[in-house]
Amino acid sequence: MLYLDLPDDPAGAEWAYHPAVEVVPCTPAVWQRLCGTPAPADLGDKQRGVMADGLARLRAAGMDWSLMLDADELVHGDMHRALAGAGGEAGAGTAALVTLEPAEALRHPEMGEGLFDPRWFKRLSRGSRVEALRLREAYGDIPLMPASGFFGHTSGKTFVRTDVPIDLYSLHLPEHSRIRHGQVAARDVLLLHFDVLPHDAWCDRWRMRARAGVHYCDRRPQLDLIRALLEADDAAGLRALYDRWYFADADRLAWLQEAGLAMRLEIPARLFSAPA
């Protein structure tokens, strides 16, 4: 299932003839059916509506599992083995949710400006003292750095068994209460998040967050600092902050890799080709 937020997205025409893909342009009529309004303003409402609809369609088609991905995400690893193993861990195939650990694309010297150009990825820090020390060594003494490092999304995504009674649809981890063996983690399978925004787009995102009054519990100090720079129209300060937080030169890459907090992946170019 490929849901297009913009009904006239060119991707729809590219994928329309693929036998394994059903394209759903999200017209006002579709949004009315999914969300109860022809023009939902909240991204979370859109995502919940799409997830509920996709899960119901896959269930009706006889599919066993569902996974909702954004356009800037890929799954790296053997999904079939992970899902088969999850049933064994949870007992007699009763695993309901299989979570994927996130790995986030990292800006580095050799990459271009394309969305899927990065080949270096940050691994999620679990907040141990050793990892915290290695992050400090890699980034320097940055008081505003959260325990996870500069991660955009720390939750990853979740495979959902299609026959699971979902109580609350959410993008990263749907909730259910009537399955005895609920949630297991996939082994050796990662959610790759290509959240590597160019500087101008990064500034625009934080401007939007500042205007909307968004408060992230682990990013509030960052938001306050960036808001102050935005209000002062300090372009040089914003650029310096962006480079310090989000760019990894050779030395930083080496520090992160040695600490197990970064890795290089060779991703086949065919994955980004137009469908045949």
Protein backbone atom coordinates (compact mmCIF):
# COMPACT_ATOMS: atom_id res chain seq x y z
CA MET A 1 0.00 0.00 0.00
CA LEU A 2 1.39 3.39 -1.03
CA TYR A 3 -0.53 6.33 0.43
CA LEU A 4 0.25 9.67 -1.21
CA ASP A 5 -0.34 12.76 0.92
CA LEU A 6 -0.30 14.79 -2.31
CA PRO A 7 -2.79 13.11 -4.68
CA ASP A 8 -0.90 14.25 -7.81
CA ASP A 9 2.52 13.11 -6.54
CA PRO A 10 4.50 11.79 -9.57
CA ALA A 11 5.36 8.69 -7.53
CA GLY A 12 1.79 7.55 -8.06
CA ALA A 13 2.27 7.20 -11.81
CA GLU A 14 5.64 5.47 -11.34
CA TRP A 15 4.19 2.80 -9.05
CA ALA A 16 0.69 2.45 -10.50
CA TYR A 17 1.62 -0.49 -12.74
CA HIS A 18 3.63 -2.45 -10.17
CA PRO A 19 1.72 -5.69 -9.50
CA ALA A 20 2.63 -5.76 -5.79
CA VAL A 21 1.74 -2.14 -5.01
CA GLU A 22 -1.64 -0.51 -4.55
CA VAL A 23 -1.45 3.28 -4.82
CA VAL A 24 -3.92 5.34 -2.73
CA PRO A 25 -3.91 9.06 -3.64
CA CYS A 26 -5.19 10.85 -0.54
CA THR A 27 -7.87 13.07 -2.08
CA PRO A 28 -10.31 15.03 0.11
CA ALA A 29 -12.77 12.14 -0.27
CA VAL A 30 -10.16 9.65 0.98
CA TRP A 31 -9.26 11.87 3.95
CA GLN A 32 -12.95 12.18 4.76
CA ARG A 33 -13.18 8.38 4.92
CA LEU A 34 -9.96 7.94 6.90
CA CYS A 35 -10.12 10.91 9.28
CA GLY A 36 -13.67 12.21 9.19
CA THR A 37 -12.63 15.48 7.53
CA PRO A 38 -11.64 16.30 3.93
CA ALA A 39 -8.56 18.26 5.00
CA PRO A 40 -7.04 17.00 8.28
CA ALA A 41 -4.51 19.53 9.56
CA ASP A 42 -2.74 17.31 12.07
CA LEU A 43 -0.04 14.99 10.69
CA GLY A 44 -0.63 12.52 13.51
CA ASP A 45 -4.32 12.25 12.58
CA LYS A 46 -3.33 11.50 8.99
CA GLN A 47 -0.85 8.84 10.05
CA ARG A 48 -3.31 7.14 12.39
CA GLY A 49 -5.98 7.13 9.69
CA VAL A 50 -3.62 5.67 7.12
CA MET A 51 -2.37 3.02 9.53
CA ALA A 52 -5.85 1.87 10.48
CA ASP A 53 -6.95 1.72 6.85
CA GLY A 54 -3.80 -0.04 5.66
CA LEU A 55 -3.99 -2.62 8.43
CA ALA A 56 -7.63 -3.39 7.58
CA ARG A 57 -6.84 -3.75 3.86
CA LEU A 58 -3.87 -6.03 4.47
CA ARG A 59 -5.93 -8.15 6.86
CA ALA A 60 -8.66 -8.50 4.24
CA ALA A 61 -6.05 -9.50 1.66
CA GLY A 62 -4.77 -12.28 3.90
CA MET A 63 -1.46 -10.64 4.84
CA ASP A 64 0.04 -11.58 8.20
CA TRP A 65 2.04 -8.44 9.09
CA SER A 66 1.87 -4.70 8.56
CA LEU A 67 4.61 -2.06 8.82
CA MET A 68 4.07 1.66 8.23
CA LEU A 69 7.04 3.55 6.79
CA ASP A 70 7.50 7.19 5.84
CA ALA A 71 8.96 8.21 2.49
CA ASP A 72 12.39 8.82 4.07
CA GLU A 73 12.70 5.38 5.71
CA LEU A 74 13.99 1.95 4.70
CA VAL A 75 14.26 -1.39 6.50
CA HIS A 76 17.74 -2.94 6.55
CA GLY A 77 18.07 -6.64 7.32
CA ASP A 78 16.24 -9.93 6.86
CA MET A 79 12.64 -9.11 7.71
CA HIS A 80 11.34 -12.61 7.03
CA ARG A 81 13.79 -14.20 9.47
CA ALA A 82 13.05 -11.51 12.08
CA LEU A 83 9.30 -12.12 11.93
CA ALA A 84 9.67 -15.89 11.96
CA GLY A 85 11.99 -15.67 14.96
CA ALA A 86 9.65 -13.31 16.78
CA GLY A 87 6.96 -15.96 16.95
CA GLY A 88 9.40 -18.36 18.56
CA GLU A 89 10.52 -15.83 21.16
CA ALA A 90 6.99 -14.90 22.11
CA GLY A 91 5.76 -18.49 22.21
CA ALA A 92 3.88 -20.44 19.54
CA GLY A 93 3.81 -17.58 17.09
CA THR A 94 1.82 -15.24 19.33
CA ALA A 95 4.03 -12.13 19.06
CA ALA A 96 1.80 -9.20 18.25
CA LEU A 97 4.32 -6.39 17.78
CA VAL A 98 7.90 -6.60 16.51
CA THR A 99 9.89 -3.43 17.05
CA LEU A 100 12.77 -2.17 14.90
CA GLU A 101 15.65 -0.18 16.35
CA PRO A 102 16.29 3.08 14.48
CA ALA A 103 19.52 4.09 12.80
CA GLU A 104 19.66 7.68 11.60
CA ALA A 105 21.55 8.99 8.58
CA LEU A 106 24.55 11.13 9.41
CA ARG A 107 25.89 14.04 7.38
CA HIS A 108 29.47 13.29 6.31
CA PRO A 109 32.02 14.72 3.85
CA GLU A 110 31.58 12.25 0.98
CA MET A 111 27.81 12.46 0.65
CA GLY A 112 25.89 14.49 -1.91
CA GLU A 113 22.68 16.42 -1.39
CA GLY A 114 20.26 13.63 -2.34
CA LEU A 115 17.88 12.29 0.31
CA PHE A 116 19.32 8.77 0.12
CA ASP A 117 22.98 9.70 -0.41
CA PRO A 118 24.19 9.08 3.18
CA ARG A 119 26.06 5.86 3.88
CA TRP A 120 26.92 6.57 7.52
CA PHE A 121 24.29 6.03 10.19
CA LYS A 122 24.10 6.83 13.88
CA ARG A 123 23.20 3.99 16.23
CA LEU A 124 20.95 4.82 19.12
CA SER A 125 22.71 5.35 22.43
CA ARG A 126 21.06 3.57 25.32
CA GLY A 127 22.28 6.17 27.79
CA SER A 128 24.99 4.12 29.47
CA ARG A 129 27.82 5.99 31.14
CA VAL A 130 30.37 4.61 28.68
CA GLU A 131 28.29 5.67 25.67
CA ALA A 132 27.75 9.12 27.20
CA LEU A 133 31.51 9.52 27.57
CA ARG A 134 32.11 8.45 23.97
CA LEU A 135 29.49 10.89 22.71
CA ARG A 136 31.25 13.67 24.62
CA GLU A 137 34.53 12.64 23.05
CA ALA A 138 32.98 12.70 19.59
CA TYR A 139 30.99 15.93 19.90
CA GLY A 140 32.89 17.83 22.55
CA ASP A 141 31.42 19.25 25.72
CA ILE A 142 27.91 20.17 24.56
CA PRO A 143 25.67 20.78 27.59
CA LEU A 144 22.50 20.63 25.48
CA MET A 145 23.09 17.17 24.03
CA PRO A 146 20.43 14.62 25.06
CA ALA A 147 21.48 11.18 26.27
CA SER A 148 20.51 9.72 22.88
CA GLY A 149 22.79 12.10 21.00
CA PHE A 150 21.23 14.24 18.26
CA PHE A 151 18.63 11.71 17.19
CA GLY A 152 15.47 12.87 15.44
CA HIS A 153 13.29 9.86 16.29
CA THR A 154 14.35 7.40 18.96
CA SER A 155 11.33 5.08 18.81
CA GLY A 156 11.89 3.21 15.55
CA LYS A 157 8.88 1.52 13.96
CA THR A 158 6.85 -1.62 14.60
CA PHE A 159 5.63 -4.60 12.62
CA VAL A 160 2.03 -5.27 13.64
CA ARG A 161 0.35 -8.62 13.18
CA THR A 162 -2.80 -7.92 11.17
CA ASP A 163 -5.09 -9.96 13.44
CA VAL A 164 -4.12 -7.97 16.53
CA PRO A 165 -6.93 -5.91 18.12
CA ILE A 166 -5.34 -2.46 18.23
CA ASP A 167 -6.54 -0.18 21.03
CA LEU A 168 -4.64 2.93 19.95
CA TYR A 169 -3.06 3.54 16.56
CA SER A 170 0.21 5.43 16.68
CA LEU A 171 3.01 5.82 14.19
CA HIS A 172 5.86 4.23 16.15
CA LEU A 173 4.30 1.78 18.59
CA PRO A 174 0.58 0.91 18.38
CA GLU A 175 -0.98 -0.15 21.65
CA HIS A 176 -3.00 -3.28 22.35
CA SER A 177 -4.11 -5.00 25.54
CA ARG A 178 -5.62 -8.35 24.66
CA ILE A 179 -2.60 -10.34 23.50
CA ARG A 180 -0.73 -12.35 26.12
CA HIS A 181 2.69 -12.11 24.46
CA GLY A 182 2.84 -8.57 23.20
CA GLN A 183 6.08 -7.09 22.02
CA VAL A 184 9.50 -8.39 20.99
CA ALA A 185 12.48 -6.70 19.35
CA ALA A 186 13.73 -7.76 15.92
CA ARG A 187 17.31 -8.97 15.84
CA ASP A 188 19.73 -7.60 13.24
CA VAL A 189 17.03 -5.54 11.51
CA LEU A 190 17.19 -1.74 11.55
CA LEU A 191 14.91 1.09 10.57
CA LEU A 192 17.05 3.45 8.47
CA HIS A 193 15.83 7.02 8.82
CA PHE A 194 17.21 9.38 6.17
CA ASP A 195 16.53 12.49 8.21
CA VAL A 196 19.51 14.45 6.92
CA LEU A 197 18.11 17.88 6.23
CA PRO A 198 20.13 20.53 4.40
CA HIS A 199 20.87 23.57 6.53
CA ASP A 200 18.05 25.77 5.16
CA ALA A 201 15.44 23.02 5.56
CA TRP A 202 16.69 22.34 9.10
CA CYS A 203 16.23 26.02 9.98
CA ASP A 204 12.73 26.01 8.49
CA ARG A 205 11.78 22.94 10.56
CA TRP A 206 12.90 24.57 13.81
CA ARG A 207 11.12 27.82 12.88
CA MET A 208 7.93 25.80 12.50
CA ARG A 209 8.50 24.10 15.86
CA ALA A 210 9.17 27.41 17.56
CA ARG A 211 6.02 29.01 16.10
CA ALA A 212 3.89 26.00 17.03
CA GLY A 213 5.19 25.98 20.59
CA VAL A 214 6.33 22.37 20.27
CA HIS A 215 7.95 21.09 23.47
CA TYR A 216 10.04 17.94 23.29
CA CYS A 217 10.98 16.74 26.74
CA ASP A 218 14.53 15.82 25.67
CA ARG A 219 14.96 18.61 23.14
CA ARG A 220 13.58 21.60 25.02
CA PRO A 221 17.06 23.08 25.72
CA GLN A 222 17.90 22.79 22.02
CA LEU A 223 14.61 24.44 21.06
CA ASP A 224 15.21 27.33 23.46
CA LEU A 225 18.70 27.93 22.08
CA ILE A 226 17.59 27.75 18.45
CA ARG A 227 14.61 30.01 19.11
CA ALA A 228 16.96 32.62 20.57
CA LEU A 229 19.19 32.44 17.48
CA LEU A 230 16.17 32.66 15.18
CA GLU A 231 14.78 35.68 17.03
CA ALA A 232 18.19 37.37 16.83
CA ASP A 233 18.38 36.53 13.09
CA ASP A 234 21.83 35.11 13.81
CA ALA A 235 22.53 33.23 10.57
CA ALA A 236 26.17 32.59 11.43
CA GLY A 237 25.24 31.21 14.85
CA LEU A 238 22.64 28.88 13.34
CA ARG A 239 25.12 27.59 10.78
CA ALA A 240 27.78 26.95 13.42
CA LEU A 241 25.24 25.13 15.59
CA TYR A 242 24.05 23.00 12.67
CA ASP A 243 27.59 21.99 11.72
CA ARG A 244 28.54 21.21 15.30
CA TRP A 245 25.46 19.10 15.99
CA TYR A 246 24.81 17.33 12.69
CA PHE A 247 27.99 17.09 10.61
CA ALA A 248 30.52 14.30 11.17
CA ASP A 249 34.05 14.79 9.84
CA ALA A 250 36.52 11.89 9.63
CA ASP A 251 37.59 12.22 13.27
CA ARG A 252 34.04 12.27 14.60
CA LEU A 253 33.08 9.30 12.43
CA ALA A 254 36.05 7.36 13.81
CA TRP A 255 35.09 8.16 17.42
CA LEU A 256 31.46 7.16 16.87
CA GLN A 257 32.32 3.99 14.99
CA GLU A 258 34.79 2.86 17.67
CA ALA A 259 32.12 3.40 20.31
CA GLY A 260 29.59 1.35 18.34
CA LEU A 261 27.45 4.46 17.79
CA ALA A 262 27.93 4.78 14.03
CA MET A 263 28.21 2.38 11.12
CA ARG A 264 28.68 2.48 7.37
CA LEU A 265 26.22 0.69 5.10
CA GLU A 266 26.51 0.00 1.40
CA ILE A 267 22.97 0.32 0.06
CA PRO A 268 22.34 -1.08 -3.47
CA ALA A 269 21.60 1.68 -5.97
CA ARG A 270 18.80 -0.44 -7.47
CA LEU A 271 16.68 0.31 -4.40
CA PHE A 272 16.31 3.90 -5.61
CA SER A 273 15.55 3.11 -9.25
CA ALA A 274 12.13 3.64 -10.77
CA PRO A 275 10.07 0.42 -10.77
CA ALA A 276 10.38 -1.69 -13.91
